[in-house]
């Protein structure tokens, strides 16, 4: 019963944050240059490479966020095995070929100086690597390892949400110059996420066993 409630809470929270990110993202597709985040990127808006990376990243990441929600729900995995596999393939393809590469390009132009650039580039590289490893492990039939890498990958997917959360609330508790604050947030957006993911992987072996028992046999 408790597990079911936690699962419902996870799905509801995931859908809520997806809708929130959708609301944040839609205004950018007016293609005006005076929308929120773009106001801080006036110096690079002339770059076609950056603009393509930006619009590609924000649109594809929405679908990555949505498809990832249901990859951890055992009831969904067991009842809708074919749909689970299809959504998983879409999720992996988007991260490997669209979201992570475009995120890496954006990282090269990140605000906050070299430290922030390194942080955002690291997110993109790790996001790509964890997702690739998740795909490779499921191809080998290694479900436990697959789930662990998917957990790490999705923890980085959620960095878009945690970054905005820190940007909104952290200034109430810590007073730094804008550049220093953004650099700090660039690391807080993903490092704690990965720590939590590792703790979940480490201490949720029983839950992992349940999913493995319910999961369909992997199909290459």
Protein backbone atom coordinates (compact mmCIF):
# COMPACT_ATOMS: atom_id res chain seq x y z
CA UNK A 1 0.00 0.00 0.00
CA UNK A 2 2.78 2.43 0.94
CA UNK A 3 4.69 1.51 -2.21
CA UNK A 4 1.61 2.16 -4.34
CA UNK A 5 1.12 5.56 -2.70
CA UNK A 6 4.75 6.44 -3.33
CA UNK A 7 4.40 5.35 -6.95
CA UNK A 8 1.30 7.53 -7.38
CA UNK A 9 3.11 10.45 -5.77
CA UNK A 10 6.07 9.95 -8.11
CA UNK A 11 3.86 9.91 -11.21
CA UNK A 12 1.77 12.88 -10.09
CA UNK A 13 4.90 14.87 -9.25
CA UNK A 14 6.47 13.94 -12.56
CA UNK A 15 3.42 15.01 -14.56
CA UNK A 16 3.18 18.23 -12.54
CA UNK A 17 6.80 19.14 -13.27
CA UNK A 18 6.34 18.21 -16.93
CA UNK A 19 3.39 20.59 -17.16
CA UNK A 20 5.40 23.27 -15.37
CA UNK A 21 8.31 22.88 -17.78
CA UNK A 22 5.87 22.92 -20.70
CA UNK A 23 4.46 26.22 -19.44
CA UNK A 24 7.98 27.63 -19.14
CA UNK A 25 9.04 26.36 -22.57
CA UNK A 26 6.08 27.34 -24.77
CA UNK A 27 6.74 31.12 -24.72
CA UNK A 28 10.16 30.57 -26.29
CA UNK A 29 8.50 29.36 -29.45
CA UNK A 30 7.24 32.83 -30.17
CA UNK A 31 10.86 33.08 -31.39
CA UNK A 32 11.12 36.51 -29.82
CA UNK A 33 14.44 37.33 -28.18
CA UNK A 34 13.09 39.10 -25.09
CA UNK A 35 11.70 36.01 -23.34
CA UNK A 36 13.01 35.18 -19.86
CA UNK A 37 16.29 33.24 -20.18
CA UNK A 38 17.00 34.72 -23.62
CA UNK A 39 17.37 38.14 -22.03
CA UNK A 40 20.61 36.86 -20.49
CA UNK A 41 21.88 35.48 -23.81
CA UNK A 42 21.79 38.60 -25.97
CA UNK A 43 25.50 38.26 -26.69
CA UNK A 44 25.09 34.85 -28.37
CA UNK A 45 21.68 35.15 -29.99
CA UNK A 46 23.39 36.02 -33.26
CA UNK A 47 24.89 32.51 -33.34
CA UNK A 48 22.86 30.14 -35.50
CA UNK A 49 24.56 27.16 -33.83
CA UNK A 50 23.50 28.34 -30.37
CA UNK A 51 19.90 29.08 -31.43
CA UNK A 52 19.51 25.66 -33.06
CA UNK A 53 20.97 23.98 -29.98
CA UNK A 54 18.71 25.98 -27.66
CA UNK A 55 15.41 25.28 -29.41
CA UNK A 56 16.36 21.66 -30.05
CA UNK A 57 17.31 21.15 -26.42
CA UNK A 58 14.26 22.70 -24.78
CA UNK A 59 11.80 20.90 -27.05
CA UNK A 60 13.38 17.44 -26.98
CA UNK A 61 14.03 17.55 -23.22
CA UNK A 62 10.32 17.92 -22.58
CA UNK A 63 9.68 14.55 -24.18
CA UNK A 64 12.63 13.02 -22.33
CA UNK A 65 11.15 14.26 -19.06
CA UNK A 66 7.71 12.84 -19.90
CA UNK A 67 8.78 9.44 -21.24
CA UNK A 68 11.14 8.94 -18.31
CA UNK A 69 8.36 9.19 -15.74
CA UNK A 70 6.86 5.84 -16.65
CA UNK A 71 10.11 3.91 -17.00
CA UNK A 72 10.24 3.32 -13.24
CA UNK A 73 6.63 2.31 -12.55
CA UNK A 74 6.46 -1.48 -12.24
CA UNK A 75 2.69 -1.61 -12.84
CA UNK A 76 3.19 0.20 -16.14
CA UNK A 77 6.17 -1.97 -17.07
CA UNK A 78 4.32 -5.22 -16.43
CA UNK A 79 0.95 -4.25 -17.94
CA UNK A 80 2.16 -2.31 -20.94
CA UNK A 81 5.40 -4.05 -21.84
CA UNK A 82 5.34 -3.16 -25.53
CA UNK A 83 4.56 0.49 -24.83
CA UNK A 84 7.27 0.55 -22.16
CA UNK A 85 9.85 -0.69 -24.67
CA UNK A 86 8.69 1.78 -27.33
CA UNK A 87 8.83 4.73 -24.92
CA UNK A 88 12.21 3.55 -23.69
CA UNK A 89 13.62 3.52 -27.23
CA UNK A 90 12.26 7.01 -27.88
CA UNK A 91 13.72 8.20 -24.58
CA UNK A 92 17.16 6.77 -25.33
CA UNK A 93 17.21 8.06 -28.92
CA UNK A 94 16.26 11.58 -27.85
CA UNK A 95 18.93 11.76 -25.17
CA UNK A 96 21.74 10.24 -27.25
CA UNK A 97 21.10 12.05 -30.52
CA UNK A 98 19.30 15.25 -29.59
CA UNK A 99 19.05 16.42 -25.98
CA UNK A 100 22.52 15.63 -24.64
CA UNK A 101 24.45 16.83 -27.74
CA UNK A 102 22.45 20.07 -27.94
CA UNK A 103 22.94 20.54 -24.19
CA UNK A 104 26.69 20.17 -24.66
CA UNK A 105 26.70 22.87 -27.34
CA UNK A 106 24.74 25.17 -25.04
CA UNK A 107 27.21 24.45 -22.23
CA UNK A 108 30.01 25.98 -24.31
CA UNK A 109 28.13 29.29 -24.20
CA UNK A 110 26.90 29.04 -20.59
CA UNK A 111 26.71 32.06 -18.32
CA UNK A 112 28.86 32.07 -15.18
CA UNK A 113 32.30 31.64 -16.69
CA UNK A 114 34.47 28.55 -17.18
CA UNK A 115 33.33 26.84 -13.96
CA UNK A 116 29.68 26.92 -15.05
CA UNK A 117 30.62 25.81 -18.57
CA UNK A 118 32.45 22.80 -17.12
CA UNK A 119 29.45 21.95 -14.94
CA UNK A 120 26.90 22.02 -17.76
CA UNK A 121 29.24 20.18 -20.13
CA UNK A 122 29.72 17.49 -17.48
CA UNK A 123 25.97 17.08 -17.16
CA UNK A 124 25.64 16.54 -20.90
CA UNK A 125 28.48 14.03 -21.08
CA UNK A 126 27.28 12.03 -18.07
CA UNK A 127 23.67 12.17 -19.28
CA UNK A 128 24.75 10.71 -22.61
CA UNK A 129 26.96 8.08 -20.97
CA UNK A 130 24.42 6.89 -18.40
CA UNK A 131 21.71 6.64 -21.04
CA UNK A 132 23.96 4.75 -23.43
CA UNK A 133 24.97 2.35 -20.67
CA UNK A 134 21.32 1.79 -19.75
CA UNK A 135 20.60 0.87 -23.36
CA UNK A 136 23.66 -1.37 -23.62
CA UNK A 137 22.84 -3.19 -20.40
CA UNK A 138 19.23 -3.94 -21.38
CA UNK A 139 20.49 -5.27 -24.72
CA UNK A 140 22.62 -7.69 -22.70
CA UNK A 141 19.66 -8.63 -20.51
CA UNK A 142 21.21 -7.08 -17.39
CA UNK A 143 18.05 -5.62 -15.88
CA UNK A 144 19.50 -4.57 -12.54
CA UNK A 145 22.34 -2.64 -14.14
CA UNK A 146 19.93 -1.20 -16.73
CA UNK A 147 17.69 0.18 -13.98
CA UNK A 148 20.66 1.65 -12.12
CA UNK A 149 21.90 3.54 -15.17
CA UNK A 150 18.38 4.70 -16.03
CA UNK A 151 18.07 6.05 -12.49
CA UNK A 152 21.30 8.00 -12.90
CA UNK A 153 20.24 9.25 -16.33
CA UNK A 154 16.86 10.45 -15.12
CA UNK A 155 18.47 12.15 -12.12
CA UNK A 156 20.29 14.33 -14.64
CA UNK A 157 17.12 14.85 -16.66
CA UNK A 158 15.61 16.34 -13.52
CA UNK A 159 18.48 18.83 -13.23
CA UNK A 160 16.45 21.22 -15.40
CA UNK A 161 13.84 21.31 -12.63
CA UNK A 162 16.24 21.47 -9.71
CA UNK A 163 18.20 24.27 -11.38
CA UNK A 164 15.09 26.44 -11.64
CA UNK A 165 14.14 25.57 -8.06
CA UNK A 166 17.52 26.72 -6.74
CA UNK A 167 17.46 29.86 -8.88
CA UNK A 168 14.09 30.73 -7.38
CA UNK A 169 14.69 29.97 -3.70
CA UNK A 170 18.44 29.98 -3.01
CA UNK A 171 18.81 33.81 -3.08
CA UNK A 172 16.57 33.95 0.00
CA UNK A 173 19.20 32.01 1.97
CA UNK A 174 22.55 32.77 0.31
CA UNK A 175 23.65 36.18 -0.93
CA UNK A 176 26.22 36.05 -3.71
CA UNK A 177 27.00 38.03 -6.82
CA UNK A 178 25.01 36.89 -9.85
CA UNK A 179 27.95 35.10 -11.51
CA UNK A 180 28.92 33.26 -8.33
CA UNK A 181 25.31 32.32 -7.62
CA UNK A 182 24.78 30.93 -11.11
CA UNK A 183 27.99 28.91 -10.89
CA UNK A 184 26.91 27.46 -7.54
CA UNK A 185 23.47 26.61 -8.90
CA UNK A 186 24.99 24.98 -11.98
CA UNK A 187 26.52 22.32 -9.69
CA UNK A 188 23.69 22.11 -7.18
CA UNK A 189 21.30 21.35 -10.04
CA UNK A 190 22.81 17.92 -10.66
CA UNK A 191 25.37 16.79 -8.05
CA UNK A 192 22.80 16.25 -5.24
CA UNK A 193 20.52 14.55 -7.78
CA UNK A 194 23.21 11.99 -8.55
CA UNK A 195 23.96 11.46 -4.86
CA UNK A 196 20.27 10.72 -4.23
CA UNK A 197 20.18 8.41 -7.26
CA UNK A 198 23.17 6.46 -5.94
CA UNK A 199 21.51 6.13 -2.54
CA UNK A 200 18.33 4.84 -4.17
CA UNK A 201 20.31 2.37 -6.24
CA UNK A 202 22.25 1.22 -3.20
CA UNK A 203 19.35 0.82 -0.81
CA UNK A 204 16.49 -0.21 -3.07
CA UNK A 205 17.64 -3.67 -4.14
CA UNK A 206 14.37 -5.16 -2.92
CA UNK A 207 12.37 -2.81 -5.11
CA UNK A 208 14.70 -3.57 -8.01
CA UNK A 209 14.09 -7.30 -7.52
CA UNK A 210 10.33 -6.73 -7.70
CA UNK A 211 10.63 -4.83 -10.98
CA UNK A 212 12.91 -7.51 -12.41
CA UNK A 213 10.39 -10.22 -11.52
CA UNK A 214 7.58 -8.27 -13.19
CA UNK A 215 9.51 -7.06 -16.21
CA UNK A 216 9.13 -8.82 -19.56
CA UNK A 217 12.14 -10.49 -21.08
CA UNK A 218 14.28 -7.94 -22.93
CA UNK A 219 14.02 -7.76 -26.70
CA UNK A 220 17.08 -6.65 -28.63
